[in-house]
Each structure stands twice: as C-alpha cells, then as structure tokens.
C-alpha atoms as a PDB file:
ATOM      1  CA  MET A   1      36.433 -16.612  29.747  1.00  0.00           C
ATOM      2  CA  ASP A   2      32.844 -16.293  28.457  1.00  0.00           C
ATOM      3  CA  TYR A   3      32.058 -18.787  26.498  1.00  0.00           C
ATOM      4  CA  ARG A   4      29.012 -18.403  25.055  1.00  0.00           C
ATOM      5  CA  ILE A   5      31.227 -15.987  22.980  1.00  0.00           C
ATOM      6  CA  LEU A   6      32.955 -19.302  21.766  1.00  0.00           C
ATOM      7  CA  LEU A   7      29.419 -20.641  20.626  1.00  0.00           C
ATOM      8  CA  VAL A   8      29.588 -18.765  17.183  1.00  0.00           C
ATOM      9  CA  ALA A   9      26.544 -19.568  15.545  1.00  0.00           C
ATOM     10  CA  PRO A  10      26.545 -20.559  11.950  1.00  0.00           C
ATOM     11  CA  LEU A  11      25.727 -17.383   9.803  1.00  0.00           C
ATOM     12  CA  ALA A  12      22.217 -18.309   8.878  1.00  0.00           C
ATOM     13  CA  ALA A  13      21.170 -18.418  12.562  1.00  0.00           C
ATOM     14  CA  LEU A  14      22.694 -15.335  13.670  1.00  0.00           C
ATOM     15  CA  VAL A  15      19.336 -13.187  12.932  1.00  0.00           C
ATOM     16  CA  LEU A  16      17.338 -13.679  16.113  1.00  0.00           C
ATOM     17  CA  SER A  17      13.370 -12.507  16.131  1.00  0.00           C
ATOM     18  CA  VAL A  18      13.261 -10.598  19.369  1.00  0.00           C
ATOM     19  CA  GLY A  19      15.352  -9.023  21.841  1.00  0.00           C
ATOM     20  CA  ALA A  20      16.022 -10.596  25.456  1.00  0.00           C
ATOM     21  CA  ALA A  21      13.348  -8.795  27.162  1.00  0.00           C
ATOM     22  CA  ASP A  22      11.144  -9.417  23.787  1.00  0.00           C
ATOM     23  CA  LEU A  23      10.113  -5.750  23.556  1.00  0.00           C
ATOM     24  CA  ARG A  24       7.508  -5.248  20.795  1.00  0.00           C
ATOM     25  CA  MET A  25       9.023  -5.082  17.676  1.00  0.00           C
ATOM     26  CA  PRO A  26       7.349  -2.440  15.042  1.00  0.00           C
ATOM     27  CA  ALA A  27       5.465  -4.259  11.684  1.00  0.00           C
ATOM     28  CA  GLY A  28       8.482  -4.202   8.900  1.00  0.00           C
ATOM     29  CA  TRP A  29      11.074  -4.134  11.491  1.00  0.00           C
ATOM     30  CA  GLN A  30      13.658  -7.144  12.280  1.00  0.00           C
ATOM     31  CA  SER A  31      16.165  -7.419  15.266  1.00  0.00           C
ATOM     32  CA  PHE A  32      19.687  -9.019  14.830  1.00  0.00           C
ATOM     33  CA  ASN A  33      21.023 -10.153  18.008  1.00  0.00           C
ATOM     34  CA  ASN A  34      24.303 -12.464  17.310  1.00  0.00           C
ATOM     35  CA  THR A  35      25.156 -13.255  20.867  1.00  0.00           C
ATOM     36  CA  ASN A  36      21.250 -12.922  22.395  1.00  0.00           C
ATOM     37  CA  ASP A  37      22.822 -10.154  24.849  1.00  0.00           C
ATOM     38  CA  TYR A  38      20.433  -6.940  23.553  1.00  0.00           C
ATOM     39  CA  GLU A  39      17.285  -5.934  24.253  1.00  0.00           C
ATOM     40  CA  ILE A  40      15.808  -4.721  20.555  1.00  0.00           C
ATOM     41  CA  GLY A  41      12.638  -3.132  20.076  1.00  0.00           C
ATOM     42  CA  ILE A  42      10.538  -0.151  21.035  1.00  0.00           C
ATOM     43  CA  ASP A  43      10.973   1.625  24.535  1.00  0.00           C
ATOM     44  CA  PRO A  44       8.156   0.739  26.455  1.00  0.00           C
ATOM     45  CA  ALA A  45       8.826   4.125  28.563  1.00  0.00           C
ATOM     46  CA  SER A  46       8.852   6.094  24.794  1.00  0.00           C
ATOM     47  CA  GLU A  47       5.175   4.317  24.095  1.00  0.00           C
ATOM     48  CA  VAL A  48       4.156   5.507  27.542  1.00  0.00           C
ATOM     49  CA  ALA A  49       5.314   9.110  26.481  1.00  0.00           C
ATOM     50  CA  GLY A  50       3.037   8.813  22.947  1.00  0.00           C
ATOM     51  CA  SER A  51       6.188   9.271  21.047  1.00  0.00           C
ATOM     52  CA  PRO A  52       7.304   5.809  20.520  1.00  0.00           C
ATOM     53  CA  SER A  53      11.038   5.387  20.285  1.00  0.00           C
ATOM     54  CA  LEU A  54      13.145   1.992  18.697  1.00  0.00           C
ATOM     55  CA  THR A  55      16.211   0.907  21.523  1.00  0.00           C
ATOM     56  CA  VAL A  56      19.367  -1.689  21.175  1.00  0.00           C
ATOM     57  CA  ARG A  57      20.426  -2.285  24.726  1.00  0.00           C
ATOM     58  CA  SER A  58      23.059  -4.502  25.748  1.00  0.00           C
ATOM     59  CA  GLY A  59      22.990  -6.853  28.336  1.00  0.00           C
ATOM     60  CA  ALA A  60      25.700  -8.816  30.314  1.00  0.00           C
ATOM     61  CA  PRO A  61      29.131  -7.177  29.925  1.00  0.00           C
ATOM     62  CA  GLN A  62      30.770  -7.599  26.795  1.00  0.00           C
ATOM     63  CA  ARG A  63      34.383  -8.414  25.896  1.00  0.00           C
ATOM     64  CA  THR A  64      36.993  -5.911  24.190  1.00  0.00           C
ATOM     65  CA  GLY A  65      37.046  -6.689  20.306  1.00  0.00           C
ATOM     66  CA  SER A  66      33.887  -8.840  21.169  1.00  0.00           C
ATOM     67  CA  LEU A  67      31.467 -10.152  17.859  1.00  0.00           C
ATOM     68  CA  SER A  68      28.354  -8.865  20.220  1.00  0.00           C
ATOM     69  CA  VAL A  69      26.217  -6.652  17.680  1.00  0.00           C
ATOM     70  CA  GLY A  70      22.436  -5.544  18.426  1.00  0.00           C
ATOM     71  CA  ALA A  71      20.135  -3.593  15.547  1.00  0.00           C
ATOM     72  CA  ALA A  72      16.719  -2.978  14.635  1.00  0.00           C
ATOM     73  CA  HIS A  73      16.753  -2.701  10.721  1.00  0.00           C
ATOM     74  CA  GLN A  74      15.081  -3.382   7.546  1.00  0.00           C
ATOM     75  CA  SER A  75      15.869  -4.296   4.219  1.00  0.00           C
ATOM     76  CA  ALA A  76      14.286  -2.916   0.904  1.00  0.00           C
ATOM     77  CA  THR A  77      14.735  -3.274  -2.561  1.00  0.00           C
ATOM     78  CA  GLY A  78      14.541  -1.276  -6.082  1.00  0.00           C
ATOM     79  CA  TYR A  79      17.093   1.210  -5.212  1.00  0.00           C
ATOM     80  CA  ALA A  80      19.736  -0.016  -7.417  1.00  0.00           C
ATOM     81  CA  GLY A  81      21.771   2.769  -8.914  1.00  0.00           C
ATOM     82  CA  GLN A  82      20.187   5.582  -6.981  1.00  0.00           C
ATOM     83  CA  ARG A  83      21.864   7.925  -3.872  1.00  0.00           C
ATOM     84  CA  ILE A  84      19.073   6.901  -0.841  1.00  0.00           C
ATOM     85  CA  ARG A  85      19.662   8.559   2.358  1.00  0.00           C
ATOM     86  CA  PHE A  86      18.710   6.988   6.046  1.00  0.00           C
ATOM     87  CA  SER A  87      17.979   9.688   8.596  1.00  0.00           C
ATOM     88  CA  GLY A  88      16.312  10.310  11.988  1.00  0.00           C
ATOM     89  CA  GLN A  89      16.866  11.408  15.521  1.00  0.00           C
ATOM     90  CA  VAL A  90      19.443   9.597  17.596  1.00  0.00           C
ATOM     91  CA  ARG A  91      20.584   9.717  21.249  1.00  0.00           C
ATOM     92  CA  ALA A  92      22.917   7.116  23.485  1.00  0.00           C
ATOM     93  CA  ASP A  93      23.395   6.531  27.087  1.00  0.00           C
ATOM     94  CA  ALA A  94      26.620   5.216  28.743  1.00  0.00           C
ATOM     95  CA  ALA A  95      27.475   3.265  24.871  1.00  0.00           C
ATOM     96  CA  ARG A  96      30.986   1.726  25.397  1.00  0.00           C
ATOM     97  CA  GLY A  97      30.863   0.482  21.609  1.00  0.00           C
ATOM     98  CA  TRP A  98      29.726   2.110  18.652  1.00  0.00           C
ATOM     99  CA  ALA A  99      26.026   3.236  18.282  1.00  0.00           C
ATOM    100  CA  GLY A 100      24.165   5.079  15.666  1.00  0.00           C
ATOM    101  CA  LEU A 101      22.534   4.502  12.253  1.00  0.00           C
ATOM    102  CA  TYR A 102      23.674   2.326   9.597  1.00  0.00           C
ATOM    103  CA  MET A 103      22.709   1.454   5.635  1.00  0.00           C
ATOM    104  CA  GLY A 104      24.682  -1.035   3.241  1.00  0.00           C
ATOM    105  CA  ALA A 105      24.197  -2.776  -0.145  1.00  0.00           C
ATOM    106  CA  GLY A 106      23.435  -6.613   0.901  1.00  0.00           C
ATOM    107  CA  ASP A 107      20.808  -8.925   2.287  1.00  0.00           C
ATOM    108  CA  LEU A 108      19.805  -9.701   5.924  1.00  0.00           C
ATOM    109  CA  THR A 109      23.123 -11.334   6.192  1.00  0.00           C
ATOM    110  CA  LEU A 110      25.192  -7.934   5.884  1.00  0.00           C
ATOM    111  CA  LEU A 111      25.878  -7.515   9.970  1.00  0.00           C
ATOM    112  CA  GLY A 112      26.444 -11.016  10.068  1.00  0.00           C
ATOM    113  CA  ARG A 113      29.327 -10.987   7.522  1.00  0.00           C
ATOM    114  CA  MET A 114      30.442  -8.241   9.489  1.00  0.00           C
ATOM    115  CA  ALA A 115      30.317  -9.993  13.350  1.00  0.00           C
ATOM    116  CA  MET A 116      32.198 -12.806  11.747  1.00  0.00           C
ATOM    117  CA  ALA A 117      35.163 -10.748  10.223  1.00  0.00           C
ATOM    118  CA  ARG A 118      35.123 -12.909   7.319  1.00  0.00           C
ATOM    119  CA  PRO A 119      37.892 -12.237   5.367  1.00  0.00           C
ATOM    120  CA  GLY A 120      37.570  -9.035   2.680  1.00  0.00           C
ATOM    121  CA  ALA A 121      34.850  -7.689   5.349  1.00  0.00           C
ATOM    122  CA  GLU A 122      36.745  -4.406   5.305  1.00  0.00           C
ATOM    123  CA  GLU A 123      35.273  -3.870   1.756  1.00  0.00           C
ATOM    124  CA  GLN A 124      31.878  -4.650   2.510  1.00  0.00           C
ATOM    125  CA  LEU A 125      31.442  -2.859   5.882  1.00  0.00           C
ATOM    126  CA  PRO A 126      28.156  -0.500   5.740  1.00  0.00           C
ATOM    127  CA  ARG A 127      28.288   3.260   6.098  1.00  0.00           C
ATOM    128  CA  GLY A 128      27.718   4.656   9.132  1.00  0.00           C
ATOM    129  CA  ALA A 129      26.538   7.791  11.317  1.00  0.00           C
ATOM    130  CA  ALA A 130      27.680   7.599  15.083  1.00  0.00           C
ATOM    131  CA  VAL A 131      26.093   9.494  17.587  1.00  0.00           C
ATOM    132  CA  PRO A 132      28.010  10.870  20.589  1.00  0.00           C
ATOM    133  CA  ALA A 133      28.135   7.811  23.018  1.00  0.00           C
ATOM    134  CA  ALA A 134      27.188   9.454  26.253  1.00  0.00           C
ATOM    135  CA  ASP A 135      25.344  13.225  26.455  1.00  0.00           C
ATOM    136  CA  GLY A 136      21.949  11.437  26.508  1.00  0.00           C
ATOM    137  CA  ALA A 137      20.654  14.133  24.141  1.00  0.00           C
ATOM    138  CA  TRP A 138      18.746  13.997  20.408  1.00  0.00           C
ATOM    139  CA  HIS A 139      21.217  14.546  17.425  1.00  0.00           C
ATOM    140  CA  GLU A 140      19.991  14.755  13.737  1.00  0.00           C
ATOM    141  CA  VAL A 141      21.951  11.687  12.281  1.00  0.00           C
ATOM    142  CA  SER A 142      22.318  10.509   8.623  1.00  0.00           C
ATOM    143  CA  VAL A 143      23.753   8.276   6.350  1.00  0.00           C
ATOM    144  CA  VAL A 144      23.742   8.811   2.849  1.00  0.00           C
ATOM    145  CA  LEU A 145      24.447   5.657   0.499  1.00  0.00           C
ATOM    146  CA  ASP A 146      25.237   5.120  -3.377  1.00  0.00           C
ATOM    147  CA  VAL A 147      23.443   1.928  -4.030  1.00  0.00           C
ATOM    148  CA  PRO A 148      25.683   0.306  -6.808  1.00  0.00           C
ATOM    149  CA  ALA A 149      23.740  -0.569  -9.967  1.00  0.00           C
ATOM    150  CA  ASP A 150      24.193  -4.570  -9.673  1.00  0.00           C
ATOM    151  CA  ALA A 151      22.802  -4.279  -5.839  1.00  0.00           C
ATOM    152  CA  VAL A 152      19.490  -6.179  -5.231  1.00  0.00           C
ATOM    153  CA  GLN A 153      18.811  -5.153  -1.700  1.00  0.00           C
ATOM    154  CA  VAL A 154      19.981  -2.571   0.821  1.00  0.00           C
ATOM    155  CA  ASP A 155      19.957  -3.007   4.677  1.00  0.00           C
ATOM    156  CA  PHE A 156      19.793   0.001   6.901  1.00  0.00           C
ATOM    157  CA  GLY A 157      18.929   0.597  10.694  1.00  0.00           C
ATOM    158  CA  LEU A 158      19.949   1.418  14.294  1.00  0.00           C
ATOM    159  CA  VAL A 159      23.007  -0.547  15.285  1.00  0.00           C
ATOM    160  CA  GLN A 160      24.778  -0.710  18.927  1.00  0.00           C
ATOM    161  CA  LEU A 161      28.126  -2.459  18.650  1.00  0.00           C
ATOM    162  CA  GLY A 162      29.146  -3.925  22.095  1.00  0.00           C
ATOM    163  CA  GLU A 163      27.828  -2.199  25.448  1.00  0.00           C
ATOM    164  CA  GLY A 164      25.186   0.773  25.955  1.00  0.00           C
ATOM    165  CA  GLN A 165      22.244   1.810  24.724  1.00  0.00           C
ATOM    166  CA  VAL A 166      20.915   3.570  21.582  1.00  0.00           C
ATOM    167  CA  TRP A 167      17.717   5.511  20.553  1.00  0.00           C
ATOM    168  CA  ALA A 168      15.840   6.170  17.608  1.00  0.00           C
ATOM    169  CA  ARG A 169      12.954   8.179  16.374  1.00  0.00           C
ATOM    170  CA  ALA A 170      11.605  10.207  13.822  1.00  0.00           C
ATOM    171  CA  LEU A 171      12.922   8.089  10.961  1.00  0.00           C
ATOM    172  CA  SER A 172      13.006   8.459   7.420  1.00  0.00           C
ATOM    173  CA  PHE A 173      14.325   6.743   4.150  1.00  0.00           C
ATOM    174  CA  GLU A 174      14.339   8.695   0.672  1.00  0.00           C
ATOM    175  CA  VAL A 175      15.985   8.883  -2.476  1.00  0.00           C
ATOM    176  CA  VAL A 176      17.685  11.959  -2.931  1.00  0.00           C
ATOM    177  CA  GLY A 177      20.003  14.095  -5.270  1.00  0.00           C
ATOM    178  CA  ALA A 178      23.571  14.655  -6.677  1.00  0.00           C
ATOM    179  CA  GLY A 179      23.484  17.562  -3.932  1.00  0.00           C
ATOM    180  CA  VAL A 180      23.618  15.229  -1.225  1.00  0.00           C
ATOM    181  CA  ALA A 181      27.064  13.886  -0.687  1.00  0.00           C
ATOM    182  CA  PRO A 182      27.137  10.441   0.290  1.00  0.00           C
ATOM    183  CA  THR A 183      28.354   9.062   3.858  1.00  0.00           C
ATOM    184  CA  GLN A 184      32.175   8.469   3.959  1.00  0.00           C
ATOM    185  CA  THR A 185      32.318   6.719   7.172  1.00  0.00           C
ATOM    186  CA  SER A 186      31.977   3.102   8.185  1.00  0.00           C
ATOM    187  CA  VAL A 187      30.174   1.623  11.070  1.00  0.00           C
ATOM    188  CA  GLY A 188      32.957   1.369  13.637  1.00  0.00           C
ATOM    189  CA  PHE A 189      33.738  -2.208  14.004  1.00  0.00           C
ATOM    190  CA  ASP A 190      37.027  -3.129  14.949  1.00  0.00           C
ATOM    191  CA  LEU A 191      37.384  -6.157  12.621  1.00  0.00           C
ATOM    192  CA  GLN A 192      41.065  -6.729  13.621  1.00  0.00           C
ATOM    193  CA  ALA A 193      39.968  -7.162  17.235  1.00  0.00           C
ATOM    194  CA  ALA A 194      37.086  -9.192  16.181  1.00  0.00           C
ATOM    195  CA  ARG A 195      39.544 -11.677  14.432  1.00  0.00           C
ATOM    196  CA  ARG A 196      41.624 -11.962  17.101  1.00  0.00           C
ATOM    197  CA  LEU A 197      39.181 -12.712  19.301  1.00  0.00           C
ATOM    198  CA  LEU A 198      37.625 -15.300  16.717  1.00  0.00           C
ATOM    199  CA  THR A 199      41.513 -16.964  17.056  1.00  0.00           C
ATOM    200  CA  GLU A 200      41.489 -17.246  20.848  1.00  0.00           C
ATOM    201  CA  ASN A 201      38.135 -18.994  20.467  1.00  0.00           C
ATOM    202  CA  ARG A 202      38.984 -21.475  18.241  1.00  0.00           C
ATOM    203  CA  ALA A 203      42.309 -22.478  20.221  1.00  0.00           C
ATOM    204  CA  GLN A 204      40.071 -22.548  23.376  1.00  0.00           C
ATOM    205  CA  LEU A 205      37.733 -25.242  21.255  1.00  0.00           C
ATOM    206  CA  ALA A 206      40.487 -27.030  20.306  1.00  0.00           C
ATOM    207  CA  LYS A 207      41.348 -27.886  23.895  1.00  0.00           C
ATOM    208  CA  PHE A 208      37.823 -29.500  24.455  1.00  0.00           C
ATOM    209  CA  PRO A 209      37.165 -32.895  24.962  1.00  0.00           C
ATOM    210  CA  PRO A 210      36.041 -35.417  22.452  1.00  0.00           C
ATOM    211  CA  GLN A 211      32.039 -34.537  22.675  1.00  0.00           C
ATOM    212  CA  PRO A 212      29.314 -37.760  22.857  1.00  0.00           C
ATOM    213  CA  LEU A 213      26.030 -37.850  20.706  1.00  0.00           C
ATOM    214  CA  LEU A 214      23.508 -35.980  22.684  1.00  0.00           C
ATOM    215  CA  ASN A 215      19.826 -37.894  22.948  1.00  0.00           C
ATOM    216  CA  ALA A 216      20.426 -40.626  20.733  1.00  0.00           C
ATOM    217  CA  SER A 217      17.172 -42.245  21.704  1.00  0.00           C
ATOM    218  CA  LEU A 218      15.533 -38.808  20.712  1.00  0.00           C
ATOM    219  CA  ASP A 219      13.400 -38.414  23.925  1.00  0.00           C
END
C-alpha cells in the first residue's frame, strides 16, 4: 500500500505552486499536483531548442484508479454565454493514463473536485481532448466549450492523469462561432475506480491507532 495516497489533502490545499523538480512555470500559468508526484512547467530541453513547451510528467508509479492528477492550467473570466476554444500542438510519451487538453466551467478547484470524485462529479467533468498515448508525435488538439450563462470562470490547461508525460506548445484560446462544434468528450477520469480507492483508503485509515498531539511545546 502506498500510504502517500492515504494522506488525501484538504481540497483547498490541492493546488501546489511548483512541480517536484521545480520546473519554470511561465507567467500566467499555475500547476495542479495533488500527490506531489508530478514535474510541471517548461521542459528545459524545449527551451534550449528555442521552442518552449509545457510539460506534465509523473514521477512515482501510480496505482490503478489512483487519484493522481497533474496539470498546467489557467482560469479566465468574462466568457459567460460564449463558445470558446482552447487548442494547441500536443504529444505524449508512454502515457498509461489519460493525457491531453481540457476545459471546464469553474475555478481553480475544478480539478480538485474531479480528483476527490465527489458525488455528482460526473456532471462536473471538464471537456477534454486526448492525445495518442505513446506515438511521441505532435498532434493538433482542441477543446471547444459552451460556457454556461451563469458561469463566472472557465478553467483550462494541459493535464496528465496517472503515469506518463505530456507536452503542449503553440497554444491558443479564443471565442469561436456557432459553426465550430462543441467538444462532446470529457476528461478520461475513472470516477468509479477513484471512489473504490477512496473507500479502501478510509478503511486503512480507520485501522490506525490513536495519534498524540505533535510538538505541544511548539519548538
């Protein structure tokens, strides 16, 4: 049992500022790394080559159905009632989980709600466009979303679920017309497997002995 997975952080603490290797995050972007097992930011090799690309790469092996989510993302306001598109060139290497671009109506907790597999999460899954998992080639990928009229924000970015590495470059974000069809597929998160894992984790935590107060003297 990997007991790091048992220590599910409070939802407010799920958004971390940097990846495990402290890669450079470009201005305006944030990282989401709910198990601290991902490296997120600009791929140093791509910077040397003069064509910066975002990357999300898993570190430790992941359990099947784990809660592990890594992403580079942004939130934007002012798009209520509009159809918007997030697109770019994306590639993946040896990805065993779902990898690609995503977009959904919601704030920075959107991925956190997905990772926690809360009741009703099926209706809250963001739209997603996956990239082939292991061919290593660049693919043109886009996600189109009809933003609800009452939505305050949209959240969008590059995400890796489970093991693997994904890259993105030449990104764009724009309002599109009615002639562009909205994306019908959702991010490929296995909510049933995540809920089974959460149940197992809670059962394991219930077996732990009582814990004393730590550092009562506040040293």
